[in-house]
N, C-alpha and C. Protein backbone atom coordinates (compact mmCIF):
# COMPACT_ATOMS: atom_id res chain seq x y z
N MET A 1 69.48 85.18 47.18
CA MET A 1 70.00 84.28 48.39
C MET A 1 69.47 84.04 49.87
N LYS A 2 68.07 85.44 50.16
CA LYS A 2 67.60 85.11 50.91
C LYS A 2 66.04 84.10 51.07
N LYS A 3 65.78 84.02 49.94
CA LYS A 3 64.72 83.28 49.66
C LYS A 3 65.56 81.85 49.82
N LEU A 4 66.42 81.54 49.28
CA LEU A 4 67.10 80.12 49.38
C LEU A 4 67.39 79.60 50.73
N ARG A 5 67.61 80.85 51.50
CA ARG A 5 67.75 80.29 53.17
C ARG A 5 66.50 80.03 53.51
N LYS A 6 65.73 80.82 53.27
CA LYS A 6 64.15 80.61 53.34
C LYS A 6 63.77 79.23 53.12
N MET A 7 63.88 78.92 51.83
CA MET A 7 63.52 77.27 51.74
C MET A 7 64.60 76.45 52.30
N LYS A 8 65.48 76.32 52.47
CA LYS A 8 66.70 75.23 53.64
C LYS A 8 65.71 75.23 54.94
N LEU A 9 65.49 76.31 55.25
CA LEU A 9 64.69 75.91 56.79
C LEU A 9 63.74 75.26 56.68
N GLY A 10 62.42 76.01 55.85
CA GLY A 10 61.03 75.30 55.28
C GLY A 10 61.90 74.10 55.40
N ARG A 11 62.32 73.25 54.67
CA ARG A 11 62.92 71.72 54.25
C ARG A 11 63.20 71.12 56.01
N VAL A 12 64.43 72.02 56.72
CA VAL A 12 64.94 71.01 57.67
C VAL A 12 63.78 71.12 58.45
N VAL A 13 62.89 72.60 58.99
CA VAL A 13 61.51 72.25 59.76
C VAL A 13 60.86 71.27 59.42
N LEU A 14 60.65 70.56 57.77
CA LEU A 14 59.22 70.14 57.26
C LEU A 14 59.78 68.63 57.96
N ILE A 15 61.24 68.21 57.40
CA ILE A 15 62.03 67.02 58.23
C ILE A 15 61.75 66.68 59.54
N VAL A 16 62.28 67.78 60.19
CA VAL A 16 61.90 67.13 61.93
C VAL A 16 60.96 67.45 62.45
N ALA A 17 60.04 67.81 61.66
CA ALA A 17 58.78 67.88 62.18
C ALA A 17 58.22 65.88 61.63
N THR A 18 58.75 66.02 60.71
CA THR A 18 57.96 64.40 60.57
C THR A 18 58.39 63.77 60.72
N ALA A 19 59.77 63.66 61.36
CA ALA A 19 60.57 62.70 62.28
C ALA A 19 59.86 62.36 63.95
N ALA A 20 59.75 64.09 64.07
CA ALA A 20 59.46 64.16 65.72
C ALA A 20 57.91 62.76 65.66
N LEU A 21 56.62 63.84 64.39
CA LEU A 21 55.30 62.89 64.26
C LEU A 21 56.13 61.31 64.38
N GLY A 22 56.50 61.14 63.12
CA GLY A 22 56.91 59.46 63.90
C GLY A 22 57.81 58.91 64.99
N MET A 23 58.52 59.70 65.71
CA MET A 23 58.76 59.27 67.15
C MET A 23 57.59 59.37 67.70
N ALA A 24 56.90 60.14 67.90
CA ALA A 24 55.35 60.83 69.00
C ALA A 24 54.65 59.40 68.35
N SER A 25 54.35 59.01 67.55
CA SER A 25 53.78 57.83 67.27
C SER A 25 53.67 56.78 67.49
N GLY A 26 54.94 56.68 67.99
CA GLY A 26 55.71 55.49 68.82
C GLY A 26 55.31 53.75 67.62
N CYS A 27 54.25 53.35 68.14
CA CYS A 27 54.58 51.65 67.13
C CYS A 27 53.22 52.10 66.34
N GLY A 28 53.65 50.93 65.18
CA GLY A 28 52.46 51.01 64.30
C GLY A 28 51.21 50.17 64.62
N SER A 29 50.44 50.16 63.35
CA SER A 29 49.32 49.28 63.94
C SER A 29 49.68 47.55 63.83
N GLY A 30 50.55 47.67 63.48
CA GLY A 30 51.04 46.29 62.94
C GLY A 30 51.98 46.03 64.27
N SER A 31 52.67 46.87 65.17
CA SER A 31 53.37 46.45 65.94
C SER A 31 53.52 45.04 67.41
N ALA A 32 54.18 44.70 67.72
CA ALA A 32 53.95 43.73 68.61
C ALA A 32 53.01 44.51 69.96
N VAL A 33 53.66 45.86 70.36
CA VAL A 33 53.07 46.58 71.48
C VAL A 33 51.52 46.66 71.28
N SER A 34 51.31 47.08 70.06
CA SER A 34 49.79 47.39 69.66
C SER A 34 48.95 46.35 70.21
N LYS A 35 49.72 45.14 69.89
CA LYS A 35 48.46 43.65 70.49
C LYS A 35 48.72 43.66 71.74
N ILE A 36 49.25 43.68 72.21
CA ILE A 36 49.03 43.70 73.78
C ILE A 36 47.91 43.41 74.21
N GLY A 37 47.50 42.12 74.52
CA GLY A 37 46.31 42.36 75.52
C GLY A 37 45.31 41.22 74.66
N ILE A 38 45.67 41.29 73.33
CA ILE A 38 44.92 40.81 72.16
C ILE A 38 44.85 39.00 72.09
N ASP A 39 43.66 38.14 72.35
CA ASP A 39 43.42 37.39 72.45
C ASP A 39 45.14 35.91 71.56
N CYS A 40 45.08 35.09 71.68
CA CYS A 40 46.26 34.69 70.67
C CYS A 40 45.46 33.09 70.97
N SER A 41 46.62 31.83 69.42
CA SER A 41 46.67 31.06 69.75
C SER A 41 47.88 30.64 69.60
N ASP A 42 49.34 31.10 68.97
CA ASP A 42 50.34 31.26 68.77
C ASP A 42 51.14 32.94 68.52
N ASP A 43 52.16 32.49 68.43
CA ASP A 43 53.12 33.71 68.29
C ASP A 43 53.52 34.69 66.65
N LYS A 44 52.37 33.83 66.03
CA LYS A 44 52.52 34.75 64.59
C LYS A 44 51.41 35.63 64.77
N GLN A 45 50.43 35.79 65.54
CA GLN A 45 48.90 36.06 65.90
C GLN A 45 49.94 37.28 66.72
N CYS A 46 50.94 37.89 66.66
CA CYS A 46 51.04 38.76 67.82
C CYS A 46 52.22 39.74 67.38
N GLY A 47 52.11 39.89 66.12
CA GLY A 47 52.93 41.00 65.77
C GLY A 47 54.42 40.98 65.50
N GLY A 48 54.49 39.98 65.25
CA GLY A 48 55.99 39.37 64.48
C GLY A 48 57.16 39.05 66.00
N MET A 49 57.47 40.27 66.90
CA MET A 49 58.34 40.32 67.79
C MET A 49 57.36 39.84 69.41
N GLY A 50 56.66 40.48 69.36
CA GLY A 50 55.70 39.53 70.24
C GLY A 50 55.82 38.10 71.02
N PHE A 51 54.69 37.87 71.74
CA PHE A 51 54.60 35.63 71.70
C PHE A 51 52.96 35.92 72.73
N CYS A 52 52.53 34.87 72.31
CA CYS A 52 51.55 34.23 73.18
C CYS A 52 52.12 33.80 74.42
N THR A 53 51.05 34.20 75.33
CA THR A 53 51.40 33.70 76.74
C THR A 53 50.87 32.34 76.76
N GLY A 54 50.76 31.85 77.80
CA GLY A 54 50.60 31.04 78.63
C GLY A 54 48.84 30.92 78.79
N GLN A 55 48.40 32.20 78.76
CA GLN A 55 47.31 32.49 79.08
C GLN A 55 46.85 32.91 77.73
N GLU A 56 46.92 32.66 76.75
CA GLU A 56 46.65 32.96 75.36
C GLU A 56 45.98 34.57 75.15
N PHE A 57 47.06 35.73 75.59
CA PHE A 57 46.77 37.30 74.98
C PHE A 57 48.69 37.10 74.52
N CYS A 58 48.37 37.92 73.94
CA CYS A 58 49.61 38.80 73.17
C CYS A 58 50.31 39.46 73.99
N SER A 59 51.80 39.70 74.01
CA SER A 59 52.85 39.75 74.77
C SER A 59 53.84 40.16 74.70
N VAL A 60 54.60 40.84 75.09
CA VAL A 60 56.03 41.39 75.10
C VAL A 60 57.18 40.93 76.26
N GLU A 61 58.33 40.94 76.20
CA GLU A 61 58.90 41.10 77.06
C GLU A 61 60.06 42.14 77.40
N CYS A 62 59.58 42.46 78.84
CA CYS A 62 59.93 43.79 78.98
C CYS A 62 61.04 43.82 80.30
N ASP A 63 61.78 45.16 80.81
CA ASP A 63 62.47 45.30 81.86
C ASP A 63 61.97 46.73 82.59
N ALA A 64 61.60 47.27 81.72
CA ALA A 64 60.56 48.74 81.98
C ALA A 64 59.72 48.89 81.52
N HIS A 65 58.74 50.33 82.09
CA HIS A 65 57.37 50.48 81.09
C HIS A 65 57.96 50.96 79.78
N GLU A 66 58.72 51.38 79.76
CA GLU A 66 58.92 52.12 78.06
C GLU A 66 59.28 51.54 77.75
N ASP A 67 59.29 49.97 77.93
CA ASP A 67 59.88 48.79 76.96
C ASP A 67 58.00 48.32 75.87
N CYS A 68 57.24 49.01 76.99
CA CYS A 68 55.79 48.55 76.81
C CYS A 68 55.08 50.35 75.96
N GLY A 69 55.78 50.90 75.98
CA GLY A 69 55.58 52.29 74.49
C GLY A 69 54.50 53.71 75.88
N CYS A 70 55.17 53.23 77.44
CA CYS A 70 55.13 54.59 77.91
C CYS A 70 56.34 55.57 78.36
N PRO A 71 55.99 56.70 78.82
CA PRO A 71 57.04 57.59 78.48
C PRO A 71 57.82 57.19 79.33
N MET A 72 59.46 57.54 79.18
CA MET A 72 61.07 57.40 79.56
C MET A 72 60.42 57.69 81.30
N ASP A 73 60.88 56.70 82.08
CA ASP A 73 61.44 56.68 83.73
C ASP A 73 59.88 56.87 84.17
N THR A 74 58.91 56.39 83.76
CA THR A 74 57.64 56.03 84.11
C THR A 74 57.45 55.19 85.30
N THR A 75 56.91 55.52 86.31
CA THR A 75 56.84 54.61 87.62
C THR A 75 55.70 53.78 87.83
N ASN A 76 55.55 52.90 88.43
CA ASN A 76 54.46 51.83 88.95
C ASN A 76 53.06 53.27 89.33
N GLY A 77 53.75 53.87 89.76
CA GLY A 77 52.63 55.09 90.71
C GLY A 77 51.50 55.82 89.03
N ASP A 78 52.85 55.76 87.89
CA ASP A 78 52.22 56.71 87.16
C ASP A 78 51.44 55.66 86.42
N VAL A 79 51.56 54.50 86.04
CA VAL A 79 50.77 52.77 85.46
C VAL A 79 49.66 53.39 86.50
N ALA A 80 49.58 53.65 87.85
CA ALA A 80 48.20 53.25 88.63
C ALA A 80 47.55 54.11 87.88
N ASP A 81 47.76 55.76 88.00
CA ASP A 81 47.09 56.72 87.72
C ASP A 81 46.64 56.85 86.22
N GLY A 82 47.33 56.00 85.22
CA GLY A 82 46.71 56.29 83.79
C GLY A 82 47.63 56.65 82.91
N ALA A 83 48.84 56.56 82.86
CA ALA A 83 49.99 57.58 82.36
C ALA A 83 50.06 56.98 80.91
N CYS A 84 49.68 55.39 80.86
CA CYS A 84 50.15 54.35 80.15
C CYS A 84 48.89 53.36 79.73
N ASP A 85 49.11 52.97 78.27
CA ASP A 85 48.24 51.69 78.68
C ASP A 85 48.26 50.44 78.79
N VAL A 86 49.01 50.57 79.08
CA VAL A 86 50.26 49.08 78.91
C VAL A 86 51.35 49.02 79.77
N GLY A 87 51.88 48.34 80.93
CA GLY A 87 52.68 48.36 81.16
C GLY A 87 53.75 47.05 81.15
N CYS A 88 54.65 47.58 82.21
CA CYS A 88 55.94 46.49 82.69
C CYS A 88 55.45 45.75 83.49
N ASP A 89 55.12 44.36 83.87
CA ASP A 89 54.51 43.35 85.14
C ASP A 89 55.14 41.92 84.73
N ALA A 90 55.98 41.90 86.08
CA ALA A 90 56.86 40.44 86.08
C ALA A 90 57.22 40.30 84.03
N GLY A 91 58.21 41.02 83.68
CA GLY A 91 59.15 40.84 82.85
C GLY A 91 58.00 40.74 81.16
N ARG A 92 57.07 41.24 81.60
CA ARG A 92 55.74 41.11 80.38
C ARG A 92 55.15 42.33 80.43
N CYS A 93 54.70 42.66 79.09
CA CYS A 93 53.81 43.87 78.52
C CYS A 93 53.04 43.71 78.89
N THR A 94 51.65 44.25 79.80
CA THR A 94 50.32 43.93 80.12
C THR A 94 49.52 45.08 80.24
N ARG A 95 48.33 44.69 79.22
CA ARG A 95 47.41 46.09 79.26
C ARG A 95 47.13 46.74 80.86
N VAL A 96 46.94 47.60 81.12
CA VAL A 96 46.22 48.15 82.19
C VAL A 96 44.70 48.34 82.25
N CYS A 97 44.24 47.91 83.79
CA CYS A 97 42.32 47.83 83.17
C CYS A 97 42.39 48.48 84.44
N ASN A 98 41.19 48.86 85.02
CA ASN A 98 40.34 49.24 85.80
C ASN A 98 39.29 48.14 86.42
N ASN A 99 38.22 47.54 85.36
CA ASN A 99 37.52 46.18 85.59
C ASN A 99 37.92 45.19 84.42
N ASP A 100 37.14 44.06 83.99
CA ASP A 100 37.55 43.16 82.92
C ASP A 100 36.78 43.74 82.06
N SER A 101 36.05 44.34 81.94
CA SER A 101 35.62 45.27 80.50
C SER A 101 36.39 46.10 80.03
N ASP A 102 37.44 46.18 80.20
CA ASP A 102 38.78 47.32 79.93
C ASP A 102 39.69 46.17 79.41
N CYS A 103 39.34 44.62 79.64
CA CYS A 103 40.11 43.45 79.05
C CYS A 103 40.11 42.60 77.69
N ASN A 104 40.27 42.67 76.79
CA ASN A 104 39.99 41.54 75.32
C ASN A 104 39.64 40.32 75.87
N GLY A 105 38.81 39.24 74.78
CA GLY A 105 38.65 38.33 75.17
C GLY A 105 38.47 37.21 76.84
N ARG A 106 38.96 36.28 77.04
CA ARG A 106 39.42 35.82 78.01
C ARG A 106 40.21 36.47 79.36
N THR A 107 40.52 37.68 78.79
CA THR A 107 41.43 38.13 79.86
C THR A 107 40.75 38.51 81.04
N ARG A 108 41.64 38.76 82.05
CA ARG A 108 40.30 39.47 83.20
C ARG A 108 40.67 40.34 83.59
N CYS A 109 40.78 41.58 84.16
CA CYS A 109 41.53 42.34 85.02
C CYS A 109 41.60 41.75 86.72
N VAL A 110 42.90 41.85 86.48
CA VAL A 110 43.80 41.23 88.24
C VAL A 110 44.55 42.48 88.33
N SER A 111 44.19 42.75 90.25
CA SER A 111 45.16 43.60 91.11
C SER A 111 46.49 42.95 90.96
N GLY A 112 47.06 44.26 90.60
CA GLY A 112 48.71 44.22 91.02
C GLY A 112 49.26 44.79 91.76
N PHE A 113 50.82 44.55 92.10
CA PHE A 113 51.46 45.32 93.03
C PHE A 113 50.69 46.59 93.46
N THR A 114 50.57 47.90 92.58
CA THR A 114 50.24 48.69 92.69
C THR A 114 49.21 49.25 91.62
N TRP A 115 49.57 48.81 90.61
CA TRP A 115 47.80 48.57 89.81
C TRP A 115 47.74 47.60 88.41
N SER A 116 46.51 47.41 88.31
CA SER A 116 45.46 45.82 88.03
C SER A 116 46.03 46.09 86.38
N GLY A 117 46.27 44.63 85.72
CA GLY A 117 46.44 44.40 84.26
C GLY A 117 46.02 43.46 84.08
N CYS A 118 45.27 43.49 82.33
CA CYS A 118 44.55 42.18 82.04
C CYS A 118 45.48 41.03 81.92
N ALA A 119 45.17 40.02 82.47
CA ALA A 119 45.48 38.48 82.36
C ALA A 119 44.94 37.53 82.19
């Protein structure tokens, strides 16, 4: 009986650990958020749920930084301090940058209100 409990507990721990790892990894490599900031000419290149902006880079609509993959309750100051690689700016997710070399293709590092993003 004791051995059976240990086996059940082990399975529960394995299932919980697997679920936590999946949640912690966030978006997969094919997701729209992982494609933010890459060059594009149409929406299909942006992971299915994203869109190609007029400046020809992939983005995703957002209301808050966590919509872009940042931790819950991330502030503009947190983004400026490097809390995440992508932040929400003017309703779309944008790659965070320090200079133009942080940006892909035709995008450049543009100073924002409290943090800079590739546009």
